[in-house]
Amino acid sequence: QDFKRTVLIVDDEALNRELLGNIIETEYKVIFASDGKEALEKIHTY
């Protein structure tokens, strides 16, 4: 019941990350990356 699919939000602007995160986290587990390099690292990790 607690299981949630994970969504990665990649944006260099903190405000945009927070805005999307607040919308998405009602149904999904959210993780963040602030640039493309960090995004690829998290894609490889998850």
PDB file of all heavy atoms in Angstrom:
ATOM      1  N   GLN A   1       0.820  -1.198   0.000  1.00  0.00           N
ATOM      2  CA  GLN A   1       0.000   0.000   0.000  1.00  0.00           C
ATOM      3  C   GLN A   1       0.865   1.263   0.000  1.00  0.00           C
ATOM      4  O   GLN A   1       0.502   2.283  -0.581  1.00  0.00           O
ATOM      5  CB  GLN A   1      -0.938  -0.016   1.211  1.00  0.00           C
ATOM      6  CG  GLN A   1      -2.034  -1.080   1.097  1.00  0.00           C
ATOM      7  CD  GLN A   1      -2.818  -1.227   2.385  1.00  0.00           C
ATOM      8  OE1 GLN A   1      -2.345  -0.863   3.471  1.00  0.00           O
ATOM      9  NE2 GLN A   1      -4.027  -1.765   2.280  1.00  0.00           N
ATOM     10  N   ASP A   2       2.014   1.194   0.688  1.00  0.00           N
ATOM     11  CA  ASP A   2       2.904   2.349   0.767  1.00  0.00           C
ATOM     12  C   ASP A   2       3.740   2.528  -0.493  1.00  0.00           C
ATOM     13  O   ASP A   2       4.367   3.574  -0.677  1.00  0.00           O
ATOM     14  CB  ASP A   2       3.851   2.209   1.970  1.00  0.00           C
ATOM     15  CG  ASP A   2       3.085   2.331   3.299  1.00  0.00           C
ATOM     16  OD1 ASP A   2       1.973   2.878   3.257  1.00  0.00           O
ATOM     17  OD2 ASP A   2       3.605   1.875   4.321  1.00  0.00           O
ATOM     18  N   PHE A   3       3.780   1.514  -1.356  1.00  0.00           N
ATOM     19  CA  PHE A   3       4.639   1.589  -2.539  1.00  0.00           C
ATOM     20  C   PHE A   3       4.186   2.713  -3.472  1.00  0.00           C
ATOM     21  O   PHE A   3       3.008   2.850  -3.777  1.00  0.00           O
ATOM     22  CB  PHE A   3       4.600   0.261  -3.303  1.00  0.00           C
ATOM     23  CG  PHE A   3       5.252   0.351  -4.657  1.00  0.00           C
ATOM     24  CD1 PHE A   3       6.623   0.367  -4.773  1.00  0.00           C
ATOM     25  CD2 PHE A   3       4.479   0.453  -5.809  1.00  0.00           C
ATOM     26  CE1 PHE A   3       7.229   0.455  -6.014  1.00  0.00           C
ATOM     27  CE2 PHE A   3       5.076   0.549  -7.050  1.00  0.00           C
ATOM     28  CZ  PHE A   3       6.455   0.546  -7.150  1.00  0.00           C
ATOM     29  N   LYS A   4       5.154   3.534  -3.866  1.00  0.00           N
ATOM     30  CA  LYS A   4       4.890   4.585  -4.837  1.00  0.00           C
ATOM     31  C   LYS A   4       5.947   4.535  -5.927  1.00  0.00           C
ATOM     32  O   LYS A   4       7.118   4.289  -5.640  1.00  0.00           O
ATOM     33  CB  LYS A   4       4.927   5.964  -4.158  1.00  0.00           C
ATOM     34  CG  LYS A   4       3.723   6.278  -3.270  1.00  0.00           C
ATOM     35  CD  LYS A   4       3.819   7.717  -2.758  1.00  0.00           C
ATOM     36  CE  LYS A   4       2.578   8.080  -1.945  1.00  0.00           C
ATOM     37  NZ  LYS A   4       2.642   9.497  -1.467  1.00  0.00           N
ATOM     38  N   ARG A   5       5.523   4.764  -7.146  1.00  0.00           N
ATOM     39  CA  ARG A   5       6.474   4.855  -8.236  1.00  0.00           C
ATOM     40  C   ARG A   5       7.334   6.097  -8.065  1.00  0.00           C
ATOM     41  O   ARG A   5       6.867   7.110  -7.539  1.00  0.00           O
ATOM     42  CB  ARG A   5       5.741   4.877  -9.574  1.00  0.00           C
ATOM     43  CG  ARG A   5       5.033   3.566  -9.906  1.00  0.00           C
ATOM     44  CD  ARG A   5       4.137   3.705 -11.116  1.00  0.00           C
ATOM     45  NE  ARG A   5       3.531   2.434 -11.485  1.00  0.00           N
ATOM     46  CZ  ARG A   5       2.476   1.905 -10.866  1.00  0.00           C
ATOM     47  NH1 ARG A   5       1.916   2.543  -9.845  1.00  0.00           N
ATOM     48  NH2 ARG A   5       1.997   0.744 -11.263  1.00  0.00           N
ATOM     49  N   THR A   6       8.570   6.011  -8.541  1.00  0.00           N
ATOM     50  CA  THR A   6       9.524   7.109  -8.343  1.00  0.00           C
ATOM     51  C   THR A   6       9.630   7.961  -9.597  1.00  0.00           C
ATOM     52  O   THR A   6       9.784   7.432 -10.702  1.00  0.00           O
ATOM     53  CB  THR A   6      10.911   6.548  -7.979  1.00  0.00           C
ATOM     54  OG1 THR A   6      10.789   5.764  -6.801  1.00  0.00           O
ATOM     55  CG2 THR A   6      11.904   7.677  -7.725  1.00  0.00           C
ATOM     56  N   VAL A   7       9.548   9.289  -9.407  1.00  0.00           N
ATOM     57  CA  VAL A   7       9.666  10.241 -10.512  1.00  0.00           C
ATOM     58  C   VAL A   7      10.865  11.153 -10.243  1.00  0.00           C
ATOM     59  O   VAL A   7      11.014  11.676  -9.132  1.00  0.00           O
ATOM     60  CB  VAL A   7       8.382  11.084 -10.657  1.00  0.00           C
ATOM     61  CG1 VAL A   7       8.582  12.170 -11.713  1.00  0.00           C
ATOM     62  CG2 VAL A   7       7.191  10.197 -11.020  1.00  0.00           C
ATOM     63  N   LEU A   8      11.715  11.310 -11.232  1.00  0.00           N
ATOM     64  CA  LEU A   8      12.874  12.201 -11.142  1.00  0.00           C
ATOM     65  C   LEU A   8      12.543  13.533 -11.818  1.00  0.00           C
ATOM     66  O   LEU A   8      12.169  13.563 -12.992  1.00  0.00           O
ATOM     67  CB  LEU A   8      14.094  11.561 -11.820  1.00  0.00           C
ATOM     68  CG  LEU A   8      15.321  12.454 -12.019  1.00  0.00           C
ATOM     69  CD1 LEU A   8      15.896  12.912 -10.676  1.00  0.00           C
ATOM     70  CD2 LEU A   8      16.390  11.713 -12.838  1.00  0.00           C
ATOM     71  N   ILE A   9      12.661  14.631 -11.074  1.00  0.00           N
ATOM     72  CA  ILE A   9      12.452  15.972 -11.626  1.00  0.00           C
ATOM     73  C   ILE A   9      13.816  16.617 -11.828  1.00  0.00           C
ATOM     74  O   ILE A   9      14.589  16.743 -10.869  1.00  0.00           O
ATOM     75  CB  ILE A   9      11.576  16.826 -10.694  1.00  0.00           C
ATOM     76  CG1 ILE A   9      10.181  16.189 -10.546  1.00  0.00           C
ATOM     77  CG2 ILE A   9      11.459  18.261 -11.216  1.00  0.00           C
ATOM     78  CD1 ILE A   9       9.286  16.912  -9.559  1.00  0.00           C
ATOM     79  N   VAL A  10      14.103  17.019 -13.071  1.00  0.00           N
ATOM     80  CA  VAL A  10      15.409  17.603 -13.411  1.00  0.00           C
ATOM     81  C   VAL A  10      15.186  19.049 -13.884  1.00  0.00           C
ATOM     82  O   VAL A  10      14.603  19.276 -14.946  1.00  0.00           O
ATOM     83  CB  VAL A  10      16.121  16.785 -14.509  1.00  0.00           C
ATOM     84  CG1 VAL A  10      17.535  17.316 -14.713  1.00  0.00           C
ATOM     85  CG2 VAL A  10      16.128  15.299 -14.179  1.00  0.00           C
ATOM     86  N   ASP A  11      15.651  20.010 -13.079  1.00  0.00           N
ATOM     87  CA  ASP A  11      15.521  21.422 -13.448  1.00  0.00           C
ATOM     88  C   ASP A  11      16.562  22.208 -12.656  1.00  0.00           C
ATOM     89  O   ASP A  11      16.778  21.935 -11.466  1.00  0.00           O
ATOM     90  CB  ASP A  11      14.107  21.929 -13.124  1.00  0.00           C
ATOM     91  CG  ASP A  11      13.758  23.203 -13.899  1.00  0.00           C
ATOM     92  OD1 ASP A  11      14.569  24.152 -13.860  1.00  0.00           O
ATOM     93  OD2 ASP A  11      12.682  23.220 -14.533  1.00  0.00           O
ATOM     94  N   ASP A  12      17.210  23.196 -13.315  1.00  0.00           N
ATOM     95  CA  ASP A  12      18.245  23.956 -12.615  1.00  0.00           C
ATOM     96  C   ASP A  12      17.657  25.038 -11.718  1.00  0.00           C
ATOM     97  O   ASP A  12      18.365  25.617 -10.887  1.00  0.00           O
ATOM     98  CB  ASP A  12      19.222  24.581 -13.621  1.00  0.00           C
ATOM     99  CG  ASP A  12      18.515  25.523 -14.589  1.00  0.00           C
ATOM    100  OD1 ASP A  12      17.360  25.228 -14.955  1.00  0.00           O
ATOM    101  OD2 ASP A  12      19.123  26.528 -14.992  1.00  0.00           O
ATOM    102  N   GLU A  13      16.361  25.310 -11.852  1.00  0.00           N
ATOM    103  CA  GLU A  13      15.729  26.323 -11.017  1.00  0.00           C
ATOM    104  C   GLU A  13      14.991  25.641  -9.859  1.00  0.00           C
ATOM    105  O   GLU A  13      14.089  24.830 -10.065  1.00  0.00           O
ATOM    106  CB  GLU A  13      14.752  27.161 -11.837  1.00  0.00           C
ATOM    107  CG  GLU A  13      15.433  28.005 -12.921  1.00  0.00           C
ATOM    108  CD  GLU A  13      14.463  28.925 -13.628  1.00  0.00           C
ATOM    109  OE1 GLU A  13      13.346  29.134 -13.102  1.00  0.00           O
ATOM    110  OE2 GLU A  13      14.818  29.419 -14.717  1.00  0.00           O
ATOM    111  N   ALA A  14      15.404  26.019  -8.651  1.00  0.00           N
ATOM    112  CA  ALA A  14      14.836  25.397  -7.448  1.00  0.00           C
ATOM    113  C   ALA A  14      13.336  25.609  -7.338  1.00  0.00           C
ATOM    114  O   ALA A  14      12.590  24.726  -6.884  1.00  0.00           O
ATOM    115  CB  ALA A  14      15.538  25.947  -6.206  1.00  0.00           C
ATOM    116  N   LEU A  15      12.860  26.804  -7.764  1.00  0.00           N
ATOM    117  CA  LEU A  15      11.432  27.095  -7.671  1.00  0.00           C
ATOM    118  C   LEU A  15      10.606  26.144  -8.532  1.00  0.00           C
ATOM    119  O   LEU A  15       9.553  25.643  -8.111  1.00  0.00           O
ATOM    120  CB  LEU A  15      11.179  28.549  -8.107  1.00  0.00           C
ATOM    121  CG  LEU A  15       9.723  29.037  -7.992  1.00  0.00           C
ATOM    122  CD1 LEU A  15       9.267  28.991  -6.536  1.00  0.00           C
ATOM    123  CD2 LEU A  15       9.582  30.452  -8.555  1.00  0.00           C
ATOM    124  N   ASN A  16      11.112  25.874  -9.751  1.00  0.00           N
ATOM    125  CA  ASN A  16      10.399  24.937 -10.639  1.00  0.00           C
ATOM    126  C   ASN A  16      10.396  23.518 -10.071  1.00  0.00           C
ATOM    127  O   ASN A  16       9.401  22.805 -10.156  1.00  0.00           O
ATOM    128  CB  ASN A  16      11.053  24.936 -12.019  1.00  0.00           C
ATOM    129  CG  ASN A  16      10.741  26.186 -12.817  1.00  0.00           C
ATOM    130  OD1 ASN A  16       9.754  26.873 -12.529  1.00  0.00           O
ATOM    131  ND2 ASN A  16      11.572  26.491 -13.808  1.00  0.00           N
ATOM    132  N   ARG A  17      11.544  23.122  -9.489  1.00  0.00           N
ATOM    133  CA  ARG A  17      11.610  21.779  -8.895  1.00  0.00           C
ATOM    134  C   ARG A  17      10.592  21.645  -7.763  1.00  0.00           C
ATOM    135  O   ARG A  17       9.887  20.644  -7.651  1.00  0.00           O
ATOM    136  CB  ARG A  17      13.025  21.489  -8.363  1.00  0.00           C
ATOM    137  CG  ARG A  17      14.089  21.384  -9.429  1.00  0.00           C
ATOM    138  CD  ARG A  17      15.336  20.662  -8.914  1.00  0.00           C
ATOM    139  NE  ARG A  17      15.952  21.358  -7.765  1.00  0.00           N
ATOM    140  CZ  ARG A  17      16.866  22.309  -7.863  1.00  0.00           C
ATOM    141  NH1 ARG A  17      17.259  22.710  -9.081  1.00  0.00           N
ATOM    142  NH2 ARG A  17      17.405  22.856  -6.786  1.00  0.00           N
ATOM    143  N   GLU A  18      10.532  22.711  -6.913  1.00  0.00           N
ATOM    144  CA  GLU A  18       9.622  22.661  -5.772  1.00  0.00           C
ATOM    145  C   GLU A  18       8.163  22.664  -6.225  1.00  0.00           C
ATOM    146  O   GLU A  18       7.327  21.926  -5.687  1.00  0.00           O
ATOM    147  CB  GLU A  18       9.893  23.862  -4.864  1.00  0.00           C
ATOM    148  CG  GLU A  18       9.091  23.825  -3.577  1.00  0.00           C
ATOM    149  CD  GLU A  18       9.441  24.995  -2.660  1.00  0.00           C
ATOM    150  OE1 GLU A  18      10.433  25.716  -2.935  1.00  0.00           O
ATOM    151  OE2 GLU A  18       8.713  25.183  -1.670  1.00  0.00           O
ATOM    152  N   LEU A  19       7.866  23.469  -7.233  1.00  0.00           N
ATOM    153  CA  LEU A  19       6.499  23.559  -7.743  1.00  0.00           C
ATOM    154  C   LEU A  19       6.014  22.207  -8.271  1.00  0.00           C
ATOM    155  O   LEU A  19       4.931  21.721  -7.900  1.00  0.00           O
ATOM    156  CB  LEU A  19       6.429  24.620  -8.845  1.00  0.00           C
ATOM    157  CG  LEU A  19       5.082  24.768  -9.568  1.00  0.00           C
ATOM    158  CD1 LEU A  19       4.003  25.235  -8.601  1.00  0.00           C
ATOM    159  CD2 LEU A  19       5.203  25.745 -10.743  1.00  0.00           C
ATOM    160  N   LEU A  20       6.825  21.598  -9.132  1.00  0.00           N
ATOM    161  CA  LEU A  20       6.443  20.284  -9.702  1.00  0.00           C
ATOM    162  C   LEU A  20       6.422  19.203  -8.624  1.00  0.00           C
ATOM    163  O   LEU A  20       5.561  18.323  -8.619  1.00  0.00           O
ATOM    164  CB  LEU A  20       7.417  19.898 -10.819  1.00  0.00           C
ATOM    165  CG  LEU A  20       7.269  20.677 -12.133  1.00  0.00           C
ATOM    166  CD1 LEU A  20       8.407  20.323 -13.084  1.00  0.00           C
ATOM    167  CD2 LEU A  20       5.935  20.389 -12.797  1.00  0.00           C
ATOM    168  N   GLY A  21       7.400  19.292  -7.711  1.00  0.00           N
ATOM    169  CA  GLY A  21       7.456  18.297  -6.639  1.00  0.00           C
ATOM    170  C   GLY A  21       6.202  18.303  -5.794  1.00  0.00           C
ATOM    171  O   GLY A  21       5.670  17.236  -5.430  1.00  0.00           O
ATOM    172  N   ASN A  22       5.687  19.481  -5.454  1.00  0.00           N
ATOM    173  CA  ASN A  22       4.470  19.578  -4.638  1.00  0.00           C
ATOM    174  C   ASN A  22       3.271  18.955  -5.353  1.00  0.00           C
ATOM    175  O   ASN A  22       2.381  18.377  -4.724  1.00  0.00           O
ATOM    176  CB  ASN A  22       4.174  21.050  -4.310  1.00  0.00           C
ATOM    177  CG  ASN A  22       5.158  21.613  -3.295  1.00  0.00           C
ATOM    178  OD1 ASN A  22       5.752  20.872  -2.523  1.00  0.00           O
ATOM    179  ND2 ASN A  22       5.351  22.936  -3.315  1.00  0.00           N
ATOM    180  N   ILE A  23       3.236  19.086  -6.689  1.00  0.00           N
ATOM    181  CA  ILE A  23       2.121  18.512  -7.454  1.00  0.00           C
ATOM    182  C   ILE A  23       2.253  16.990  -7.545  1.00  0.00           C
ATOM    183  O   ILE A  23       1.282  16.252  -7.330  1.00  0.00           O
ATOM    184  CB  ILE A  23       2.075  19.132  -8.865  1.00  0.00           C
ATOM    185  CG1 ILE A  23       1.779  20.639  -8.780  1.00  0.00           C
ATOM    186  CG2 ILE A  23       1.041  18.424  -9.736  1.00  0.00           C
ATOM    187  CD1 ILE A  23       1.942  21.363 -10.108  1.00  0.00           C
ATOM    188  N   ILE A  24       3.451  16.528  -7.818  1.00  0.00           N
ATOM    189  CA  ILE A  24       3.672  15.100  -8.104  1.00  0.00           C
ATOM    190  C   ILE A  24       3.647  14.244  -6.843  1.00  0.00           C
ATOM    191  O   ILE A  24       3.184  13.100  -6.860  1.00  0.00           O
ATOM    192  CB  ILE A  24       5.025  14.905  -8.836  1.00  0.00           C
ATOM    193  CG1 ILE A  24       5.078  15.718 -10.114  1.00  0.00           C
ATOM    194  CG2 ILE A  24       5.280  13.433  -9.139  1.00  0.00           C
ATOM    195  CD1 ILE A  24       4.081  15.314 -11.143  1.00  0.00           C
ATOM    196  N   GLU A  25       4.130  14.789  -5.719  1.00  0.00           N
ATOM    197  CA  GLU A  25       4.336  13.946  -4.540  1.00  0.00           C
ATOM    198  C   GLU A  25       3.035  13.456  -3.907  1.00  0.00           C
ATOM    199  O   GLU A  25       3.061  12.600  -3.023  1.00  0.00           O
ATOM    200  CB  GLU A  25       5.159  14.701  -3.502  1.00  0.00           C
ATOM    201  CG  GLU A  25       4.445  15.894  -2.883  1.00  0.00           C
ATOM    202  CD  GLU A  25       5.347  16.651  -1.910  1.00  0.00           C
ATOM    203  OE1 GLU A  25       6.530  16.245  -1.786  1.00  0.00           O
ATOM    204  OE2 GLU A  25       4.869  17.625  -1.288  1.00  0.00           O
ATOM    205  N   THR A  26       1.895  13.977  -4.354  1.00  0.00           N
ATOM    206  CA  THR A  26       0.625  13.437  -3.853  1.00  0.00           C
ATOM    207  C   THR A  26       0.410  11.991  -4.283  1.00  0.00           C
ATOM    208  O   THR A  26      -0.297  11.237  -3.604  1.00  0.00           O
ATOM    209  CB  THR A  26      -0.559  14.294  -4.360  1.00  0.00           C
ATOM    210  OG1 THR A  26      -0.540  14.305  -5.799  1.00  0.00           O
ATOM    211  CG2 THR A  26      -0.469  15.706  -3.837  1.00  0.00           C
ATOM    212  N   GLU A  27       1.027  11.582  -5.408  1.00  0.00           N
ATOM    213  CA  GLU A  27       0.851  10.212  -5.913  1.00  0.00           C
ATOM    214  C   GLU A  27       2.161   9.459  -6.119  1.00  0.00           C
ATOM    215  O   GLU A  27       2.146   8.230  -6.264  1.00  0.00           O
ATOM    216  CB  GLU A  27       0.091  10.241  -7.256  1.00  0.00           C
ATOM    217  CG  GLU A  27      -1.339  10.727  -7.128  1.00  0.00           C
ATOM    218  CD  GLU A  27      -2.119  10.567  -8.423  1.00  0.00           C
ATOM    219  OE1 GLU A  27      -1.677   9.807  -9.315  1.00  0.00           O
ATOM    220  OE2 GLU A  27      -3.172  11.222  -8.556  1.00  0.00           O
ATOM    221  N   TYR A  28       3.280  10.182  -6.142  1.00  0.00           N
ATOM    222  CA  TYR A  28       4.551   9.539  -6.476  1.00  0.00           C
ATOM    223  C   TYR A  28       5.642   9.942  -5.492  1.00  0.00           C
ATOM    224  O   TYR A  28       5.593  11.021  -4.884  1.00  0.00           O
ATOM    225  CB  TYR A  28       4.980   9.932  -7.898  1.00  0.00           C
ATOM    226  CG  TYR A  28       3.965   9.555  -8.958  1.00  0.00           C
ATOM    227  CD1 TYR A  28       3.021  10.483  -9.408  1.00  0.00           C
ATOM    228  CD2 TYR A  28       3.930   8.274  -9.489  1.00  0.00           C
ATOM    229  CE1 TYR A  28       2.076  10.144 -10.361  1.00  0.00           C
ATOM    230  CE2 TYR A  28       3.001   7.923 -10.445  1.00  0.00           C
ATOM    231  CZ  TYR A  28       2.070   8.860 -10.874  1.00  0.00           C
ATOM    232  OH  TYR A  28       1.140   8.507 -11.813  1.00  0.00           O
ATOM    233  N   LYS A  29       6.629   9.067  -5.372  1.00  0.00           N
ATOM    234  CA  LYS A  29       7.844   9.421  -4.653  1.00  0.00           C
ATOM    235  C   LYS A  29       8.695  10.276  -5.589  1.00  0.00           C
ATOM    236  O   LYS A  29       8.903   9.911  -6.747  1.00  0.00           O
ATOM    237  CB  LYS A  29       8.601   8.156  -4.255  1.00  0.00           C
ATOM    238  CG  LYS A  29       9.929   8.421  -3.564  1.00  0.00           C
ATOM    239  CD  LYS A  29      10.648   7.099  -3.261  1.00  0.00           C
ATOM    240  CE  LYS A  29      12.023   7.362  -2.668  1.00  0.00           C
ATOM    241  NZ  LYS A  29      12.760   6.096  -2.420  1.00  0.00           N
ATOM    242  N   VAL A  30       9.196  11.412  -5.096  1.00  0.00           N
ATOM    243  CA  VAL A  30       9.891  12.360  -5.957  1.00  0.00           C
ATOM    244  C   VAL A  30      11.355  12.474  -5.548  1.00  0.00           C
ATOM    245  O   VAL A  30      11.672  12.586  -4.352  1.00  0.00           O
ATOM    246  CB  VAL A  30       9.223  13.745  -5.899  1.00  0.00           C
ATOM    247  CG1 VAL A  30       9.950  14.729  -6.817  1.00  0.00           C
ATOM    248  CG2 VAL A  30       7.753  13.652  -6.291  1.00  0.00           C
ATOM    249  N   ILE A  31      12.260  12.432  -6.527  1.00  0.00           N
ATOM    250  CA  ILE A  31      13.675  12.744  -6.310  1.00  0.00           C
ATOM    251  C   ILE A  31      14.047  13.855  -7.287  1.00  0.00           C
ATOM    252  O   ILE A  31      13.369  14.063  -8.294  1.00  0.00           O
ATOM    253  CB  ILE A  31      14.578  11.508  -6.500  1.00  0.00           C
ATOM    254  CG1 ILE A  31      14.422  10.928  -7.912  1.00  0.00           C
ATOM    255  CG2 ILE A  31      14.292  10.448  -5.444  1.00  0.00           C
ATOM    256  CD1 ILE A  31      15.373   9.778  -8.204  1.00  0.00           C
ATOM    257  N   PHE A  32      15.157  14.579  -6.990  1.00  0.00           N
ATOM    258  CA  PHE A  32      15.479  15.770  -7.774  1.00  0.00           C
ATOM    259  C   PHE A  32      16.910  15.727  -8.289  1.00  0.00           C
ATOM    260  O   PHE A  32      17.780  15.055  -7.714  1.00  0.00           O
ATOM    261  CB  PHE A  32      15.302  17.028  -6.914  1.00  0.00           C
ATOM    262  CG  PHE A  32      13.905  17.217  -6.380  1.00  0.00           C
ATOM    263  CD1 PHE A  32      13.565  16.796  -5.089  1.00  0.00           C
ATOM    264  CD2 PHE A  32      12.930  17.810  -7.159  1.00  0.00           C
ATOM    265  CE1 PHE A  32      12.284  16.957  -4.604  1.00  0.00           C
ATOM    266  CE2 PHE A  32      11.638  17.983  -6.680  1.00  0.00           C
ATOM    267  CZ  PHE A  32      11.312  17.555  -5.400  1.00  0.00           C
ATOM    268  N   ALA A  33      17.122  16.460  -9.378  1.00  0.00           N
ATOM    269  CA  ALA A  33      18.467  16.721  -9.900  1.00  0.00           C
ATOM    270  C   ALA A  33      18.475  18.145 -10.449  1.00  0.00           C
ATOM    271  O   ALA A  33      17.486  18.596 -11.046  1.00  0.00           O
ATOM    272  CB  ALA A  33      18.843  15.727 -10.992  1.00  0.00           C
ATOM    273  N   SER A  34      19.600  18.863 -10.252  1.00  0.00           N
ATOM    274  CA  SER A  34      19.655  20.278 -10.642  1.00  0.00           C
ATOM    275  C   SER A  34      20.319  20.496 -11.996  1.00  0.00           C
ATOM    276  O   SER A  34      20.335  21.620 -12.494  1.00  0.00           O
ATOM    277  CB  SER A  34      20.392  21.086  -9.568  1.00  0.00           C
ATOM    278  OG  SER A  34      21.703  20.579  -9.393  1.00  0.00           O
ATOM    279  N   ASP A  35      20.892  19.428 -12.591  1.00  0.00           N
ATOM    280  CA  ASP A  35      21.471  19.555 -13.934  1.00  0.00           C
ATOM    281  C   ASP A  35      21.523  18.178 -14.589  1.00  0.00           C
ATOM    282  O   ASP A  35      21.231  17.152 -13.956  1.00  0.00           O
ATOM    283  CB  ASP A  35      22.877  20.183 -13.878  1.00  0.00           C
ATOM    284  CG  ASP A  35      23.840  19.390 -13.010  1.00  0.00           C
ATOM    285  OD1 ASP A  35      24.020  18.173 -13.263  1.00  0.00           O
ATOM    286  OD2 ASP A  35      24.414  19.978 -12.066  1.00  0.00           O
ATOM    287  N   GLY A  36      21.935  18.171 -15.873  1.00  0.00           N
ATOM    288  CA  GLY A  36      21.927  16.926 -16.633  1.00  0.00           C
ATOM    289  C   GLY A  36      22.890  15.884 -16.120  1.00  0.00           C
ATOM    290  O   GLY A  36      22.602  14.678 -16.136  1.00  0.00           O
ATOM    291  N   LYS A  37      24.043  16.303 -15.626  1.00  0.00           N
ATOM    292  CA  LYS A  37      25.044  15.359 -15.115  1.00  0.00           C
ATOM    293  C   LYS A  37      24.508  14.617 -13.895  1.00  0.00           C
ATOM    294  O   LYS A  37      24.603  13.383 -13.798  1.00  0.00           O
ATOM    295  CB  LYS A  37      26.323  16.113 -14.761  1.00  0.00           C
ATOM    296  CG  LYS A  37      27.471  15.234 -14.292  1.00  0.00           C
ATOM    297  CD  LYS A  37      28.737  16.080 -14.110  1.00  0.00           C
ATOM    298  CE  LYS A  37      29.910  15.220 -13.653  1.00  0.00           C
ATOM    299  NZ  LYS A  37      29.714  14.648 -12.309  1.00  0.00           N
ATOM    300  N   GLU A  38      23.921  15.376 -12.974  1.00  0.00           N
ATOM    301  CA  GLU A  38      23.344  14.755 -11.777  1.00  0.00           C
ATOM    302  C   GLU A  38      22.167  13.851 -12.153  1.00  0.00           C
ATOM    303  O   GLU A  38      21.952  12.794 -11.553  1.00  0.00           O
ATOM    304  CB  GLU A  38      22.893  15.845 -10.806  1.00  0.00           C
ATOM    305  CG  GLU A  38      22.394  15.300  -9.472  1.00  0.00           C
ATOM    306  CD  GLU A  38      21.863  16.392  -8.550  1.00  0.00           C
ATOM    307  OE1 GLU A  38      21.924  17.592  -8.929  1.00  0.00           O
ATOM    308  OE2 GLU A  38      21.366  16.043  -7.457  1.00  0.00           O
ATOM    309  N   ALA A  39      21.413  14.272 -13.174  1.00  0.00           N
ATOM    310  CA  ALA A  39      20.273  13.470 -13.619  1.00  0.00           C
ATOM    311  C   ALA A  39      20.715  12.092 -14.106  1.00  0.00           C
ATOM    312  O   ALA A  39      20.125  11.067 -13.744  1.00  0.00           O
ATOM    313  CB  ALA A  39      19.528  14.209 -14.729  1.00  0.00           C
ATOM    314  N   LEU A  40      21.770  12.063 -14.937  1.00  0.00           N
ATOM    315  CA  LEU A  40      22.260  10.768 -15.452  1.00  0.00           C
ATOM    316  C   LEU A  40      22.763   9.878 -14.321  1.00  0.00           C
ATOM    317  O   LEU A  40      22.566   8.658 -14.350  1.00  0.00           O
ATOM    318  CB  LEU A  40      23.360  11.000 -16.488  1.00  0.00           C
ATOM    319  CG  LEU A  40      22.893  11.552 -17.843  1.00  0.00           C
ATOM    320  CD1 LEU A  40      24.088  11.870 -18.728  1.00  0.00           C
ATOM    321  CD2 LEU A  40      21.972  10.557 -18.549  1.00  0.00           C
ATOM    322  N   GLU A  41      23.414  10.480 -13.332  1.00  0.00           N
ATOM    323  CA  GLU A  41      23.900   9.695 -12.192  1.00  0.00           C
ATOM    324  C   GLU A  41      22.729   9.026 -11.475  1.00  0.00           C
ATOM    325  O   GLU A  41      22.807   7.845 -11.097  1.00  0.00           O
ATOM    326  CB  GLU A  41      24.672  10.599 -11.232  1.00  0.00           C
ATOM    327  CG  GLU A  41      26.016  11.072 -11.781  1.00  0.00           C
ATOM    328  CD  GLU A  41      26.673  12.122 -10.891  1.00  0.00           C
ATOM    329  OE1 GLU A  41      26.033  12.529  -9.886  1.00  0.00           O
ATOM    330  OE2 GLU A  41      27.815  12.532 -11.194  1.00  0.00           O
ATOM    331  N   LYS A  42      21.635   9.761 -11.281  1.00  0.00           N
ATOM    332  CA  LYS A  42      20.476   9.198 -10.576  1.00  0.00           C
ATOM    333  C   LYS A  42      19.734   8.175 -11.449  1.00  0.00           C
ATOM    334  O   LYS A  42      19.185   7.192 -10.932  1.00  0.00           O
ATOM    335  CB  LYS A  42      19.548  10.323 -10.122  1.00  0.00           C
ATOM    336  CG  LYS A  42      20.200  11.181  -9.051  1.00  0.00           C
ATOM    337  CD  LYS A  42      19.220  11.987  -8.248  1.00  0.00           C
ATOM    338  CE  LYS A  42      19.964  12.657  -7.081  1.00  0.00           C
ATOM    339  NZ  LYS A  42      19.090  13.497  -6.244  1.00  0.00           N
ATOM    340  N   ILE A  43      19.719   8.411 -12.754  1.00  0.00           N
ATOM    341  CA  ILE A  43      19.112   7.425 -13.659  1.00  0.00           C
ATOM    342  C   ILE A  43      19.877   6.111 -13.582  1.00  0.00           C
ATOM    343  O   ILE A  43      19.281   5.027 -13.532  1.00  0.00           O
ATOM    344  CB  ILE A  43      19.084   7.968 -15.098  1.00  0.00           C
ATOM    345  CG1 ILE A  43      18.043   9.098 -15.220  1.00  0.00           C
ATOM    346  CG2 ILE A  43      18.764   6.854 -16.104  1.00  0.00           C
ATOM    347  CD1 ILE A  43      18.116   9.871 -16.508  1.00  0.00           C
ATOM    348  N   HIS A  44      21.218   6.198 -13.535  1.00  0.00           N
ATOM    349  CA  HIS A  44      22.035   4.982 -13.419  1.00  0.00           C
ATOM    350  C   HIS A  44      21.838   4.316 -12.063  1.00  0.00           C
ATOM    351  O   HIS A  44      21.824   3.091 -11.952  1.00  0.00           O
ATOM    352  CB  HIS A  44      23.520   5.329 -13.610  1.00  0.00           C
ATOM    353  CG  HIS A  44      23.839   5.768 -15.007  1.00  0.00           C
ATOM    354  ND1 HIS A  44      24.861   6.630 -15.304  1.00  0.00           N
ATOM    355  CD2 HIS A  44      23.261   5.478 -16.199  1.00  0.00           C
ATOM    356  CE1 HIS A  44      24.905   6.848 -16.608  1.00  0.00           C
ATOM    357  NE2 HIS A  44      23.940   6.153 -17.173  1.00  0.00           N
ATOM    358  N   THR A  45      21.678   5.124 -11.019  1.00  0.00           N
ATOM    359  CA  THR A  45      21.518   4.577  -9.665  1.00  0.00           C
ATOM    360  C   THR A  45      20.178   3.866  -9.495  1.00  0.00           C
ATOM    361  O   THR A  45      20.115   2.750  -8.984  1.00  0.00           O
ATOM    362  CB  THR A  45      21.629   5.702  -8.617  1.00  0.00           C
ATOM    363  OG1 THR A  45      22.914   6.327  -8.740  1.00  0.00           O
ATOM    364  CG2 THR A  45      21.463   5.149  -7.207  1.00  0.00           C
ATOM    365  N   TYR A  46      19.115   4.508  -9.942  1.00  0.00           N
ATOM    366  CA  TYR A  46      17.763   3.958  -9.732  1.00  0.00           C
ATOM    367  C   TYR A  46      17.388   2.920 -10.791  1.00  0.00           C
ATOM    368  O   TYR A  46      16.622   1.996 -10.510  1.00  0.00           O
ATOM    369  CB  TYR A  46      16.729   5.084  -9.708  1.00  0.00           C
ATOM    370  CG  TYR A  46      16.677   5.818  -8.395  1.00  0.00           C
ATOM    371  CD1 TYR A  46      17.581   6.831  -8.119  1.00  0.00           C
ATOM    372  CD2 TYR A  46      15.748   5.489  -7.423  1.00  0.00           C
ATOM    373  CE1 TYR A  46      17.552   7.520  -6.899  1.00  0.00           C
ATOM    374  CE2 TYR A  46      15.695   6.158  -6.211  1.00  0.00           C
ATOM    375  CZ  TYR A  46      16.612   7.173  -5.944  1.00  0.00           C
ATOM    376  OH  TYR A  46      16.570   7.834  -4.748  1.00  0.00           O
TER     377      TYR A  46
END
